[in-house]
Amino acid sequence: MKNKKPVEDMSILENSIHPLILKLLYNRDVNTVDKVMAFLKPNIELLPSPLELYGVAEAVKLINTMGDAHIRVVGDYDV
């Protein structure tokens, strides 16, 4: 496992979050108190708009033109 380090003092988190969890987060560049807290306690209001996802705006336009037609959505578990 990599040994990336945080970019600021993380002592405020060290008593409340297991060191292995912190190490995993640091290795994923979640390396500030604010980033760690945002990752562990996410706020739905801070998520980007779904319309920013690739192809979503076009899909919405297509669906709006279909009227009463049936629509089937197919995907796997990470959809």
N, C-alpha and C. Protein backbone atom coordinates (compact mmCIF):
# COMPACT_ATOMS: atom_id res chain seq x y z
N MET A 1 0.84 -1.17 0.00
CA MET A 1 0.00 0.00 0.00
C MET A 1 0.89 1.24 0.00
N LYS A 2 0.48 2.24 -0.76
CA LYS A 2 1.24 3.49 -0.82
C LYS A 2 1.26 4.16 0.54
N ASN A 3 2.17 5.09 0.71
CA ASN A 3 2.29 5.81 1.97
C ASN A 3 2.15 7.31 1.75
N LYS A 4 1.09 7.73 1.06
CA LYS A 4 0.88 9.16 0.88
C LYS A 4 0.57 9.79 2.23
N LYS A 5 0.93 11.03 2.37
CA LYS A 5 0.74 11.75 3.62
C LYS A 5 -0.30 12.85 3.43
N PRO A 6 -0.98 13.24 4.52
CA PRO A 6 -1.93 14.35 4.42
C PRO A 6 -1.19 15.66 4.17
N VAL A 7 -1.91 16.64 3.67
CA VAL A 7 -1.29 17.93 3.39
C VAL A 7 -1.46 18.92 4.54
N GLU A 8 -2.15 18.52 5.59
CA GLU A 8 -2.30 19.37 6.77
C GLU A 8 -2.34 18.51 8.02
N ASP A 9 -2.33 19.14 9.18
CA ASP A 9 -2.36 18.42 10.45
C ASP A 9 -3.71 17.71 10.61
N MET A 10 -3.67 16.39 10.76
CA MET A 10 -4.89 15.59 10.86
C MET A 10 -5.12 15.06 12.27
N SER A 11 -4.42 15.60 13.25
CA SER A 11 -4.52 15.07 14.62
C SER A 11 -5.93 15.16 15.16
N ILE A 12 -6.74 16.08 14.66
CA ILE A 12 -8.12 16.20 15.12
C ILE A 12 -8.94 14.96 14.76
N LEU A 13 -8.54 14.23 13.72
CA LEU A 13 -9.27 13.05 13.27
C LEU A 13 -8.71 11.74 13.81
N GLU A 14 -7.49 11.76 14.28
CA GLU A 14 -6.79 10.51 14.60
C GLU A 14 -7.42 9.73 15.75
N ASN A 15 -8.16 10.39 16.63
CA ASN A 15 -8.81 9.67 17.74
C ASN A 15 -10.19 9.15 17.37
N SER A 16 -10.75 9.64 16.27
CA SER A 16 -12.11 9.23 15.93
C SER A 16 -12.20 8.36 14.68
N ILE A 17 -11.13 8.29 13.89
CA ILE A 17 -11.15 7.50 12.66
C ILE A 17 -9.97 6.54 12.69
N HIS A 18 -10.26 5.28 12.40
CA HIS A 18 -9.23 4.24 12.43
C HIS A 18 -8.08 4.62 11.49
N PRO A 19 -6.84 4.40 11.93
CA PRO A 19 -5.67 4.77 11.12
C PRO A 19 -5.66 4.14 9.73
N LEU A 20 -6.15 2.93 9.59
CA LEU A 20 -6.18 2.29 8.27
C LEU A 20 -7.13 3.03 7.33
N ILE A 21 -8.27 3.47 7.86
CA ILE A 21 -9.22 4.24 7.05
C ILE A 21 -8.56 5.54 6.59
N LEU A 22 -7.89 6.22 7.51
CA LEU A 22 -7.19 7.45 7.15
C LEU A 22 -6.13 7.20 6.08
N LYS A 23 -5.39 6.12 6.21
CA LYS A 23 -4.35 5.79 5.23
C LYS A 23 -4.97 5.55 3.86
N LEU A 24 -6.07 4.83 3.81
CA LEU A 24 -6.75 4.58 2.54
C LEU A 24 -7.22 5.89 1.91
N LEU A 25 -7.75 6.78 2.74
CA LEU A 25 -8.22 8.07 2.23
C LEU A 25 -7.05 8.91 1.71
N TYR A 26 -5.96 8.96 2.44
CA TYR A 26 -4.78 9.71 2.00
C TYR A 26 -4.29 9.19 0.65
N ASN A 27 -4.30 7.88 0.49
CA ASN A 27 -3.82 7.28 -0.77
C ASN A 27 -4.73 7.60 -1.94
N ARG A 28 -5.93 8.05 -1.64
CA ARG A 28 -6.87 8.47 -2.68
C ARG A 28 -6.96 9.99 -2.77
N ASP A 29 -5.96 10.66 -2.22
CA ASP A 29 -5.87 12.12 -2.22
C ASP A 29 -7.01 12.80 -1.47
N VAL A 30 -7.61 12.09 -0.55
CA VAL A 30 -8.53 12.70 0.41
C VAL A 30 -7.65 13.02 1.61
N ASN A 31 -7.01 14.19 1.56
CA ASN A 31 -5.88 14.43 2.44
C ASN A 31 -5.95 15.72 3.25
N THR A 32 -7.15 16.27 3.41
CA THR A 32 -7.37 17.40 4.31
C THR A 32 -8.55 17.06 5.20
N VAL A 33 -8.67 17.77 6.32
CA VAL A 33 -9.79 17.52 7.23
C VAL A 33 -11.12 17.72 6.49
N ASP A 34 -11.22 18.80 5.72
CA ASP A 34 -12.47 19.07 5.00
C ASP A 34 -12.80 17.96 4.00
N LYS A 35 -11.79 17.48 3.27
CA LYS A 35 -12.03 16.41 2.29
C LYS A 35 -12.45 15.11 2.99
N VAL A 36 -11.80 14.79 4.12
CA VAL A 36 -12.14 13.57 4.86
C VAL A 36 -13.58 13.66 5.36
N MET A 37 -13.95 14.78 5.95
CA MET A 37 -15.30 14.92 6.48
C MET A 37 -16.34 14.90 5.36
N ALA A 38 -16.03 15.52 4.23
CA ALA A 38 -16.96 15.50 3.09
C ALA A 38 -17.13 14.08 2.56
N PHE A 39 -16.05 13.29 2.59
CA PHE A 39 -16.12 11.90 2.13
C PHE A 39 -16.91 11.03 3.10
N LEU A 40 -16.65 11.17 4.39
CA LEU A 40 -17.29 10.31 5.39
C LEU A 40 -18.71 10.74 5.74
N LYS A 41 -19.01 12.01 5.60
CA LYS A 41 -20.35 12.52 5.89
C LYS A 41 -20.80 13.38 4.71
N PRO A 42 -21.14 12.75 3.60
CA PRO A 42 -21.47 13.50 2.39
C PRO A 42 -22.77 14.28 2.54
N ASN A 43 -22.89 15.35 1.78
CA ASN A 43 -24.07 16.19 1.77
C ASN A 43 -24.64 16.15 0.36
N ILE A 44 -25.86 15.69 0.24
CA ILE A 44 -26.47 15.53 -1.10
C ILE A 44 -26.57 16.86 -1.83
N GLU A 45 -26.68 17.95 -1.10
CA GLU A 45 -26.78 19.26 -1.74
C GLU A 45 -25.48 19.68 -2.43
N LEU A 46 -24.37 19.04 -2.07
CA LEU A 46 -23.09 19.38 -2.68
C LEU A 46 -22.76 18.53 -3.91
N LEU A 47 -23.61 17.56 -4.22
CA LEU A 47 -23.38 16.73 -5.41
C LEU A 47 -23.59 17.55 -6.67
N PRO A 48 -22.83 17.27 -7.71
CA PRO A 48 -23.06 17.99 -8.97
C PRO A 48 -24.40 17.58 -9.59
N SER A 49 -24.89 18.40 -10.47
CA SER A 49 -26.14 18.12 -11.15
C SER A 49 -26.00 16.85 -11.99
N PRO A 50 -27.03 15.99 -12.01
CA PRO A 50 -26.98 14.80 -12.87
C PRO A 50 -26.85 15.17 -14.35
N LEU A 51 -27.28 16.37 -14.72
CA LEU A 51 -27.17 16.80 -16.11
C LEU A 51 -25.73 17.00 -16.54
N GLU A 52 -24.79 17.02 -15.59
CA GLU A 52 -23.38 17.13 -15.93
C GLU A 52 -22.78 15.79 -16.34
N LEU A 53 -23.49 14.68 -16.11
CA LEU A 53 -23.00 13.37 -16.52
C LEU A 53 -23.07 13.24 -18.03
N TYR A 54 -22.09 12.56 -18.59
CA TYR A 54 -22.00 12.40 -20.03
C TYR A 54 -23.29 11.78 -20.60
N GLY A 55 -23.89 12.44 -21.57
CA GLY A 55 -25.03 11.89 -22.28
C GLY A 55 -26.38 12.10 -21.62
N VAL A 56 -26.43 12.60 -20.40
CA VAL A 56 -27.72 12.73 -19.71
C VAL A 56 -28.61 13.79 -20.37
N ALA A 57 -28.06 14.93 -20.72
CA ALA A 57 -28.87 15.98 -21.35
C ALA A 57 -29.51 15.47 -22.64
N GLU A 58 -28.73 14.74 -23.43
CA GLU A 58 -29.26 14.18 -24.68
C GLU A 58 -30.34 13.14 -24.41
N ALA A 59 -30.12 12.33 -23.38
CA ALA A 59 -31.12 11.31 -23.02
C ALA A 59 -32.43 11.96 -22.58
N VAL A 60 -32.34 13.03 -21.82
CA VAL A 60 -33.55 13.74 -21.37
C VAL A 60 -34.32 14.27 -22.57
N LYS A 61 -33.59 14.87 -23.53
CA LYS A 61 -34.25 15.38 -24.74
C LYS A 61 -34.94 14.26 -25.50
N LEU A 62 -34.28 13.13 -25.63
CA LEU A 62 -34.85 11.99 -26.35
C LEU A 62 -36.09 11.47 -25.65
N ILE A 63 -36.01 11.31 -24.33
CA ILE A 63 -37.16 10.81 -23.56
C ILE A 63 -38.34 11.76 -23.70
N ASN A 64 -38.09 13.06 -23.69
CA ASN A 64 -39.17 14.04 -23.79
C ASN A 64 -39.86 14.01 -25.15
N THR A 65 -39.21 13.48 -26.18
CA THR A 65 -39.81 13.41 -27.51
C THR A 65 -40.58 12.12 -27.73
N MET A 66 -40.51 11.17 -26.78
CA MET A 66 -41.06 9.84 -27.01
C MET A 66 -42.55 9.73 -26.69
N GLY A 67 -43.13 10.71 -26.06
CA GLY A 67 -44.55 10.64 -25.74
C GLY A 67 -44.87 9.49 -24.81
N ASP A 68 -45.82 8.62 -25.23
CA ASP A 68 -46.26 7.50 -24.39
C ASP A 68 -45.51 6.20 -24.66
N ALA A 69 -44.44 6.26 -25.40
CA ALA A 69 -43.69 5.05 -25.71
C ALA A 69 -43.09 4.44 -24.45
N HIS A 70 -42.91 3.13 -24.47
CA HIS A 70 -42.28 2.43 -23.35
C HIS A 70 -40.77 2.63 -23.41
N ILE A 71 -40.17 2.74 -22.23
CA ILE A 71 -38.73 2.93 -22.14
C ILE A 71 -38.18 1.83 -21.25
N ARG A 72 -37.13 1.16 -21.69
CA ARG A 72 -36.47 0.15 -20.90
C ARG A 72 -35.06 0.64 -20.56
N VAL A 73 -34.73 0.60 -19.28
CA VAL A 73 -33.40 0.99 -18.83
C VAL A 73 -32.65 -0.28 -18.45
N VAL A 74 -31.50 -0.50 -19.06
CA VAL A 74 -30.72 -1.70 -18.81
C VAL A 74 -29.35 -1.26 -18.31
N GLY A 75 -28.89 -1.90 -17.24
CA GLY A 75 -27.58 -1.58 -16.72
C GLY A 75 -27.10 -2.67 -15.78
N ASP A 76 -25.92 -2.47 -15.25
CA ASP A 76 -25.40 -3.43 -14.27
C ASP A 76 -25.43 -2.78 -12.90
N TYR A 77 -24.78 -3.38 -11.93
CA TYR A 77 -24.91 -2.95 -10.54
C TYR A 77 -24.37 -1.58 -10.24
N ASP A 78 -23.45 -1.07 -11.02
CA ASP A 78 -22.91 0.25 -10.71
C ASP A 78 -23.62 1.38 -11.45
N VAL A 79 -24.74 1.07 -12.08
CA VAL A 79 -25.51 2.11 -12.78
C VAL A 79 -26.33 2.88 -11.76
